[in-house]
Full PDB file with SEQRES, HELIX, SHEET, SSBOND, CRYST1, ORIGX, SCALE, CONECT and MASTER records, all heavy atoms in Angstrom:
SEQRES   1 A   32  ILE VAL ILE ALA ARG PRO ASP THR ASN LYS ILE VAL LEU          
SEQRES   2 A   32  THR ALA MET LEU SER ALA ILE ALA CYS VAL VAL MET LEU          
SEQRES   3 A   32  LEU VAL ARG ILE ASN PHE                                      
HELIX    1 AA1 THR A    8  LEU A   27  1                                  20    
CRYST1    1.000    1.000    1.000  90.00  90.00  90.00 P 1           1          
ORIGX1      1.000000  0.000000  0.000000        0.00000                         
ORIGX2      0.000000  1.000000  0.000000        0.00000                         
ORIGX3      0.000000  0.000000  1.000000        0.00000                         
SCALE1      1.000000  0.000000  0.000000        0.00000                         
SCALE2      0.000000  1.000000  0.000000        0.00000                         
SCALE3      0.000000  0.000000  1.000000        0.00000                         
ATOM      1  N   ILE A   1     111.272  84.161  84.077  1.00  0.00           N  
ATOM      2  CA  ILE A   1     111.064  84.359  85.522  1.00  0.00           C  
ATOM      3  C   ILE A   1     109.621  84.010  85.850  1.00  0.00           C  
ATOM      4  O   ILE A   1     108.677  84.557  85.283  1.00  0.00           O  
ATOM      5  CB  ILE A   1     111.347  85.823  85.924  1.00  0.00           C  
ATOM      6  CG1 ILE A   1     112.805  86.169  85.624  1.00  0.00           C  
ATOM      7  CG2 ILE A   1     111.055  86.049  87.405  1.00  0.00           C  
ATOM      8  CD1 ILE A   1     113.143  87.619  85.832  1.00  0.00           C  
ATOM      9  N   VAL A   2     109.486  83.089  86.775  1.00  0.00           N  
ATOM     10  CA  VAL A   2     108.141  82.657  87.189  1.00  0.00           C  
ATOM     11  C   VAL A   2     107.848  83.245  88.568  1.00  0.00           C  
ATOM     12  O   VAL A   2     108.581  83.020  89.520  1.00  0.00           O  
ATOM     13  CB  VAL A   2     108.040  81.122  87.251  1.00  0.00           C  
ATOM     14  CG1 VAL A   2     106.646  80.707  87.694  1.00  0.00           C  
ATOM     15  CG2 VAL A   2     108.369  80.517  85.884  1.00  0.00           C  
ATOM     16  N   ILE A   3     106.773  84.019  88.624  1.00  0.00           N  
ATOM     17  CA  ILE A   3     106.357  84.622  89.897  1.00  0.00           C  
ATOM     18  C   ILE A   3     105.246  83.781  90.498  1.00  0.00           C  
ATOM     19  O   ILE A   3     104.235  83.530  89.858  1.00  0.00           O  
ATOM     20  CB  ILE A   3     105.881  86.079  89.700  1.00  0.00           C  
ATOM     21  CG1 ILE A   3     107.010  86.912  89.101  1.00  0.00           C  
ATOM     22  CG2 ILE A   3     105.411  86.668  91.026  1.00  0.00           C  
ATOM     23  CD1 ILE A   3     106.605  88.313  88.732  1.00  0.00           C  
ATOM     24  N   ALA A   4     105.499  83.306  91.716  1.00  0.00           N  
ATOM     25  CA  ALA A   4     104.492  82.467  92.391  1.00  0.00           C  
ATOM     26  C   ALA A   4     103.232  83.268  92.676  1.00  0.00           C  
ATOM     27  O   ALA A   4     103.316  84.367  93.187  1.00  0.00           O  
ATOM     28  CB  ALA A   4     105.065  81.898  93.685  1.00  0.00           C  
ATOM     29  N   ARG A   5     102.108  82.719  92.305  1.00  0.00           N  
ATOM     30  CA  ARG A   5     100.831  83.405  92.543  1.00  0.00           C  
ATOM     31  C   ARG A   5     100.365  83.114  93.958  1.00  0.00           C  
ATOM     32  O   ARG A   5     100.448  81.999  94.431  1.00  0.00           O  
ATOM     33  CB  ARG A   5      99.779  82.925  91.536  1.00  0.00           C  
ATOM     34  CG  ARG A   5     100.124  83.299  90.110  1.00  0.00           C  
ATOM     35  CD  ARG A   5      99.089  82.736  89.170  1.00  0.00           C  
ATOM     36  NE  ARG A   5      97.783  83.309  89.418  1.00  0.00           N  
ATOM     37  CZ  ARG A   5      96.678  82.880  88.826  1.00  0.00           C  
ATOM     38  NH1 ARG A   5      96.709  81.893  87.958  1.00  0.00           N  
ATOM     39  NH2 ARG A   5      95.511  83.452  89.106  1.00  0.00           N  
ATOM     40  N   PRO A   6      99.877  84.127  94.652  1.00  0.00           N  
ATOM     41  CA  PRO A   6      99.381  83.887  96.007  1.00  0.00           C  
ATOM     42  C   PRO A   6      98.127  83.013  95.988  1.00  0.00           C  
ATOM     43  O   PRO A   6      97.361  83.043  95.029  1.00  0.00           O  
ATOM     44  CB  PRO A   6      99.064  85.298  96.534  1.00  0.00           C  
ATOM     45  CG  PRO A   6      98.831  86.108  95.291  1.00  0.00           C  
ATOM     46  CD  PRO A   6      99.722  85.514  94.235  1.00  0.00           C  
ATOM     47  N   ASP A   7      97.927  82.239  97.011  1.00  0.00           N  
ATOM     48  CA  ASP A   7      96.734  81.426  97.126  1.00  0.00           C  
ATOM     49  C   ASP A   7      95.568  82.304  97.544  1.00  0.00           C  
ATOM     50  O   ASP A   7      95.462  82.689  98.704  1.00  0.00           O  
ATOM     51  CB  ASP A   7      96.985  80.298  98.158  1.00  0.00           C  
ATOM     52  CG  ASP A   7      95.881  79.255  98.108  1.00  0.00           C  
ATOM     53  OD1 ASP A   7      94.714  79.643  97.926  1.00  0.00           O  
ATOM     54  OD2 ASP A   7      96.189  78.071  98.300  1.00  0.00           O  
ATOM     55  N   THR A   8      94.731  82.663  96.574  1.00  0.00           N  
ATOM     56  CA  THR A   8      93.654  83.592  96.845  1.00  0.00           C  
ATOM     57  C   THR A   8      92.697  83.092  97.919  1.00  0.00           C  
ATOM     58  O   THR A   8      92.245  83.845  98.780  1.00  0.00           O  
ATOM     59  CB  THR A   8      92.860  83.876  95.528  1.00  0.00           C  
ATOM     60  OG1 THR A   8      93.790  84.284  94.537  1.00  0.00           O  
ATOM     61  CG2 THR A   8      91.828  84.960  95.759  1.00  0.00           C  
ATOM     62  N   ASN A   9      92.383  81.804  97.861  1.00  0.00           N  
ATOM     63  CA  ASN A   9      91.491  81.234  98.838  1.00  0.00           C  
ATOM     64  C   ASN A   9      92.002  81.429 100.249  1.00  0.00           C  
ATOM     65  O   ASN A   9      91.261  81.770 101.178  1.00  0.00           O  
ATOM     66  CB  ASN A   9      91.294  79.729  98.587  1.00  0.00           C  
ATOM     67  CG  ASN A   9      90.218  79.472  97.543  1.00  0.00           C  
ATOM     68  OD1 ASN A   9      89.621  80.415  97.017  1.00  0.00           O  
ATOM     69  ND2 ASN A   9      90.011  78.204  97.208  1.00  0.00           N  
ATOM     70  N   LYS A  10      93.298  81.199 100.447  1.00  0.00           N  
ATOM     71  CA  LYS A  10      93.879  81.312 101.786  1.00  0.00           C  
ATOM     72  C   LYS A  10      93.901  82.773 102.252  1.00  0.00           C  
ATOM     73  O   LYS A  10      93.690  83.057 103.432  1.00  0.00           O  
ATOM     74  CB  LYS A  10      95.290  80.741 101.811  1.00  0.00           C  
ATOM     75  CG  LYS A  10      95.309  79.213 101.734  1.00  0.00           C  
ATOM     76  CD  LYS A  10      96.716  78.681 101.810  1.00  0.00           C  
ATOM     77  CE  LYS A  10      96.735  77.164 101.703  1.00  0.00           C  
ATOM     78  NZ  LYS A  10      98.096  76.614 101.718  1.00  0.00           N  
ATOM     79  N   ILE A  11      94.177  83.700 101.324  1.00  0.00           N  
ATOM     80  CA  ILE A  11      94.176  85.116 101.677  1.00  0.00           C  
ATOM     81  C   ILE A  11      92.785  85.560 102.100  1.00  0.00           C  
ATOM     82  O   ILE A  11      92.607  86.224 103.124  1.00  0.00           O  
ATOM     83  CB  ILE A  11      94.684  85.962 100.494  1.00  0.00           C  
ATOM     84  CG1 ILE A  11      96.170  85.666 100.228  1.00  0.00           C  
ATOM     85  CG2 ILE A  11      94.497  87.457 100.777  1.00  0.00           C  
ATOM     86  CD1 ILE A  11      96.703  86.298  98.966  1.00  0.00           C  
ATOM     87  N   VAL A  12      91.779  85.154 101.295  1.00  0.00           N  
ATOM     88  CA  VAL A  12      90.387  85.524 101.616  1.00  0.00           C  
ATOM     89  C   VAL A  12      89.969  84.913 102.949  1.00  0.00           C  
ATOM     90  O   VAL A  12      89.319  85.560 103.772  1.00  0.00           O  
ATOM     91  CB  VAL A  12      89.443  85.089 100.488  1.00  0.00           C  
ATOM     92  CG1 VAL A  12      87.998  85.249 100.896  1.00  0.00           C  
ATOM     93  CG2 VAL A  12      89.745  85.869  99.198  1.00  0.00           C  
ATOM     94  N   LEU A  13      90.327  83.633 103.130  1.00  0.00           N  
ATOM     95  CA  LEU A  13      89.962  82.937 104.360  1.00  0.00           C  
ATOM     96  C   LEU A  13      90.620  83.577 105.597  1.00  0.00           C  
ATOM     97  O   LEU A  13      89.990  83.736 106.642  1.00  0.00           O  
ATOM     98  CB  LEU A  13      90.329  81.469 104.254  1.00  0.00           C  
ATOM     99  CG  LEU A  13      89.701  80.474 105.238  1.00  0.00           C  
ATOM    100  CD1 LEU A  13      88.193  80.615 105.281  1.00  0.00           C  
ATOM    101  CD2 LEU A  13      90.113  79.066 104.872  1.00  0.00           C  
ATOM    102  N   THR A  14      91.886  83.938 105.452  1.00  0.00           N  
ATOM    103  CA  THR A  14      92.593  84.622 106.538  1.00  0.00           C  
ATOM    104  C   THR A  14      91.938  85.947 106.874  1.00  0.00           C  
ATOM    105  O   THR A  14      91.746  86.281 108.054  1.00  0.00           O  
ATOM    106  CB  THR A  14      94.084  84.855 106.164  1.00  0.00           C  
ATOM    107  OG1 THR A  14      94.688  83.578 105.903  1.00  0.00           O  
ATOM    108  CG2 THR A  14      94.827  85.537 107.308  1.00  0.00           C  
ATOM    109  N   ALA A  15      91.572  86.705 105.849  1.00  0.00           N  
ATOM    110  CA  ALA A  15      90.903  87.996 106.061  1.00  0.00           C  
ATOM    111  C   ALA A  15      89.539  87.795 106.729  1.00  0.00           C  
ATOM    112  O   ALA A  15      89.184  88.531 107.644  1.00  0.00           O  
ATOM    113  CB  ALA A  15      90.737  88.715 104.732  1.00  0.00           C  
ATOM    114  N   MET A  16      88.801  86.763 106.282  1.00  0.00           N  
ATOM    115  CA  MET A  16      87.466  86.521 106.833  1.00  0.00           C  
ATOM    116  C   MET A  16      87.576  86.147 108.325  1.00  0.00           C  
ATOM    117  O   MET A  16      86.847  86.674 109.161  1.00  0.00           O  
ATOM    118  CB  MET A  16      86.784  85.408 106.053  1.00  0.00           C  
ATOM    119  CG  MET A  16      85.386  85.082 106.537  1.00  0.00           C  
ATOM    120  SD  MET A  16      84.666  83.650 105.675  1.00  0.00           S  
ATOM    121  CE  MET A  16      85.561  82.332 106.528  1.00  0.00           C  
ATOM    122  N   LEU A  17      88.496  85.219 108.640  1.00  0.00           N  
ATOM    123  CA  LEU A  17      88.661  84.792 110.031  1.00  0.00           C  
ATOM    124  C   LEU A  17      89.197  85.915 110.895  1.00  0.00           C  
ATOM    125  O   LEU A  17      88.820  86.031 112.069  1.00  0.00           O  
ATOM    126  CB  LEU A  17      89.571  83.569 110.098  1.00  0.00           C  
ATOM    127  CG  LEU A  17      88.985  82.262 109.527  1.00  0.00           C  
ATOM    128  CD1 LEU A  17      90.053  81.169 109.484  1.00  0.00           C  
ATOM    129  CD2 LEU A  17      87.795  81.785 110.339  1.00  0.00           C  
ATOM    130  N   SER A  18      90.058  86.760 110.340  1.00  0.00           N  
ATOM    131  CA  SER A  18      90.545  87.925 111.094  1.00  0.00           C  
ATOM    132  C   SER A  18      89.407  88.856 111.442  1.00  0.00           C  
ATOM    133  O   SER A  18      89.334  89.409 112.553  1.00  0.00           O  
ATOM    134  CB  SER A  18      91.602  88.675 110.254  1.00  0.00           C  
ATOM    135  OG  SER A  18      92.742  87.891 110.028  1.00  0.00           O  
ATOM    136  N   ALA A  19      88.487  89.062 110.481  1.00  0.00           N  
ATOM    137  CA  ALA A  19      87.325  89.926 110.727  1.00  0.00           C  
ATOM    138  C   ALA A  19      86.458  89.358 111.834  1.00  0.00           C  
ATOM    139  O   ALA A  19      85.983  90.075 112.741  1.00  0.00           O  
ATOM    140  CB  ALA A  19      86.523  90.092 109.447  1.00  0.00           C  
ATOM    141  N   ILE A  20      86.238  88.035 111.814  1.00  0.00           N  
ATOM    142  CA  ILE A  20      85.436  87.357 112.853  1.00  0.00           C  
ATOM    143  C   ILE A  20      86.122  87.522 114.192  1.00  0.00           C  
ATOM    144  O   ILE A  20      85.475  87.827 115.221  1.00  0.00           O  
ATOM    145  CB  ILE A  20      85.232  85.885 112.534  1.00  0.00           C  
ATOM    146  CG1 ILE A  20      84.371  85.749 111.259  1.00  0.00           C  
ATOM    147  CG2 ILE A  20      84.555  85.166 113.693  1.00  0.00           C  
ATOM    148  CD1 ILE A  20      84.284  84.323 110.737  1.00  0.00           C  
ATOM    149  N   ALA A  21      87.455  87.333 114.229  1.00  0.00           N  
ATOM    150  CA  ALA A  21      88.209  87.466 115.486  1.00  0.00           C  
ATOM    151  C   ALA A  21      88.122  88.893 116.018  1.00  0.00           C  
ATOM    152  O   ALA A  21      88.007  89.075 117.236  1.00  0.00           O  
ATOM    153  CB  ALA A  21      89.673  87.075 115.262  1.00  0.00           C  
ATOM    154  N   CYS A  22      88.141  89.875 115.145  1.00  0.00           N  
ATOM    155  CA  CYS A  22      87.999  91.266 115.580  1.00  0.00           C  
ATOM    156  C   CYS A  22      86.621  91.509 116.189  1.00  0.00           C  
ATOM    157  O   CYS A  22      86.504  92.196 117.242  1.00  0.00           O  
ATOM    158  CB  CYS A  22      88.207  92.213 114.385  1.00  0.00           C  
ATOM    159  SG  CYS A  22      89.921  92.330 113.830  1.00  0.00           S  
ATOM    160  N   VAL A  23      85.592  90.949 115.579  1.00  0.00           N  
ATOM    161  CA  VAL A  23      84.231  91.157 116.089  1.00  0.00           C  
ATOM    162  C   VAL A  23      84.082  90.559 117.466  1.00  0.00           C  
ATOM    163  O   VAL A  23      83.563  91.201 118.392  1.00  0.00           O  
ATOM    164  CB  VAL A  23      83.185  90.558 115.103  1.00  0.00           C  
ATOM    165  CG1 VAL A  23      81.801  90.543 115.738  1.00  0.00           C  
ATOM    166  CG2 VAL A  23      83.165  91.345 113.795  1.00  0.00           C  
ATOM    167  N   VAL A  24      84.532  89.298 117.662  1.00  0.00           N  
ATOM    168  CA  VAL A  24      84.372  88.657 118.977  1.00  0.00           C  
ATOM    169  C   VAL A  24      85.241  89.351 120.032  1.00  0.00           C  
ATOM    170  O   VAL A  24      84.856  89.443 121.199  1.00  0.00           O  
ATOM    171  CB  VAL A  24      84.665  87.150 118.937  1.00  0.00           C  
ATOM    172  CG1 VAL A  24      83.695  86.443 117.999  1.00  0.00           C  
ATOM    173  CG2 VAL A  24      86.110  86.848 118.555  1.00  0.00           C  
ATOM    174  N   MET A  25      86.391  89.879 119.600  1.00  0.00           N  
ATOM    175  CA  MET A  25      87.257  90.616 120.520  1.00  0.00           C  
ATOM    176  C   MET A  25      86.587  91.891 121.007  1.00  0.00           C  
ATOM    177  O   MET A  25      86.677  92.285 122.171  1.00  0.00           O  
ATOM    178  CB  MET A  25      88.591  90.925 119.831  1.00  0.00           C  
ATOM    179  CG  MET A  25      89.572  91.760 120.627  1.00  0.00           C  
ATOM    180  SD  MET A  25      89.334  93.560 120.366  1.00  0.00           S  
ATOM    181  CE  MET A  25      89.752  93.729 118.642  1.00  0.00           C  
ATOM    182  N   LEU A  26      85.888  92.561 120.108  1.00  0.00           N  
ATOM    183  CA  LEU A  26      85.221  93.826 120.452  1.00  0.00           C  
ATOM    184  C   LEU A  26      83.946  93.584 121.267  1.00  0.00           C  
ATOM    185  O   LEU A  26      83.610  94.389 122.149  1.00  0.00           O  
ATOM    186  CB  LEU A  26      84.869  94.599 119.177  1.00  0.00           C  
ATOM    187  CG  LEU A  26      86.054  95.159 118.376  1.00  0.00           C  
ATOM    188  CD1 LEU A  26      85.595  95.658 117.014  1.00  0.00           C  
ATOM    189  CD2 LEU A  26      86.746  96.265 119.140  1.00  0.00           C  
ATOM    190  N   LEU A  27      83.252  92.493 121.000  1.00  0.00           N  
ATOM    191  CA  LEU A  27      81.966  92.245 121.660  1.00  0.00           C  
ATOM    192  C   LEU A  27      82.090  91.556 123.019  1.00  0.00           C  
ATOM    193  O   LEU A  27      81.271  91.792 123.907  1.00  0.00           O  
ATOM    194  CB  LEU A  27      81.067  91.403 120.739  1.00  0.00           C  
ATOM    195  CG  LEU A  27      80.578  92.068 119.465  1.00  0.00           C  
ATOM    196  CD1 LEU A  27      79.710  91.107 118.664  1.00  0.00           C  
ATOM    197  CD2 LEU A  27      79.812  93.346 119.766  1.00  0.00           C  
ATOM    198  N   VAL A  28      83.068  90.684 123.169  1.00  0.00           N  
ATOM    199  CA  VAL A  28      83.204  89.904 124.413  1.00  0.00           C  
ATOM    200  C   VAL A  28      84.496  90.292 125.124  1.00  0.00           C  
ATOM    201  O   VAL A  28      85.581  89.914 124.702  1.00  0.00           O  
ATOM    202  CB  VAL A  28      83.197  88.389 124.114  1.00  0.00           C  
ATOM    203  CG1 VAL A  28      83.254  87.606 125.434  1.00  0.00           C  
ATOM    204  CG2 VAL A  28      81.963  88.008 123.306  1.00  0.00           C  
ATOM    205  N   ARG A  29      84.366  91.060 126.181  1.00  0.00           N  
ATOM    206  CA  ARG A  29      85.506  91.474 126.990  1.00  0.00           C  
ATOM    207  C   ARG A  29      85.135  91.370 128.448  1.00  0.00           C  
ATOM    208  O   ARG A  29      84.256  92.089 128.920  1.00  0.00           O  
ATOM    209  CB  ARG A  29      85.951  92.917 126.609  1.00  0.00           C  
ATOM    210  CG  ARG A  29      86.356  93.044 125.151  1.00  0.00           C  
ATOM    211  CD  ARG A  29      86.879  94.435 124.817  1.00  0.00           C  
ATOM    212  NE  ARG A  29      88.119  94.744 125.487  1.00  0.00           N  
ATOM    213  CZ  ARG A  29      89.324  94.321 125.102  1.00  0.00           C  
ATOM    214  NH1 ARG A  29      89.423  93.530 124.040  1.00  0.00           N  
ATOM    215  NH2 ARG A  29      90.389  94.660 125.753  1.00  0.00           N  
ATOM    216  N   ILE A  30      85.780  90.446 129.156  1.00  0.00           N  
ATOM    217  CA  ILE A  30      85.408  90.133 130.534  1.00  0.00           C  
ATOM    218  C   ILE A  30      86.633  90.200 131.434  1.00  0.00           C  
ATOM    219  O   ILE A  30      87.693  89.628 131.109  1.00  0.00           O  
ATOM    220  CB  ILE A  30      84.784  88.717 130.627  1.00  0.00           C  
ATOM    221  CG1 ILE A  30      83.564  88.606 129.704  1.00  0.00           C  
ATOM    222  CG2 ILE A  30      84.401  88.392 132.076  1.00  0.00           C  
ATOM    223  CD1 ILE A  30      83.080  87.181 129.514  1.00  0.00           C  
ATOM    224  N   ASN A  31      86.487  90.874 132.558  1.00  0.00           N  
ATOM    225  CA  ASN A  31      87.553  90.851 133.579  1.00  0.00           C  
ATOM    226  C   ASN A  31      87.073  89.961 134.728  1.00  0.00           C  
ATOM    227  O   ASN A  31      86.073  90.268 135.370  1.00  0.00           O  
ATOM    228  CB  ASN A  31      87.861  92.258 134.089  1.00  0.00           C  
ATOM    229  CG  ASN A  31      88.785  92.223 135.307  1.00  0.00           C  
ATOM    230  OD1 ASN A  31      88.345  92.396 136.424  1.00  0.00           O  
ATOM    231  ND2 ASN A  31      90.044  91.967 135.062  1.00  0.00           N  
ATOM    232  N   PHE A  32      87.770  88.845 134.949  1.00  0.00           N  
ATOM    233  CA  PHE A  32      87.408  87.983 136.065  1.00  0.00           C  
ATOM    234  C   PHE A  32      88.525  87.899 137.100  1.00  0.00           C  
ATOM    235  O   PHE A  32      88.530  87.008 137.946  1.00  0.00           O  
ATOM    236  CB  PHE A  32      87.013  86.572 135.583  1.00  0.00           C  
ATOM    237  CG  PHE A  32      88.053  85.888 134.702  1.00  0.00           C  
ATOM    238  CD1 PHE A  32      89.127  85.235 135.263  1.00  0.00           C  
ATOM    239  CD2 PHE A  32      87.942  85.933 133.321  1.00  0.00           C  
ATOM    240  CE1 PHE A  32      90.061  84.609 134.478  1.00  0.00           C  
ATOM    241  CE2 PHE A  32      88.871  85.317 132.518  1.00  0.00           C  
ATOM    242  CZ  PHE A  32      89.954  84.649 133.084  1.00  0.00           C  
TER     243      PHE A  32                                                      
MASTER        0    0    0    1    0    0    0    6  242    1    0    3          
END                                                                             
């Protein structure tokens, strides 16, 4: 049985970009 290994780079990159998205979401909030 071969278990596919997750792509660590993609997981880390997704987490990093999610963190950036959270920061900009919290800092920039405008009602126009």
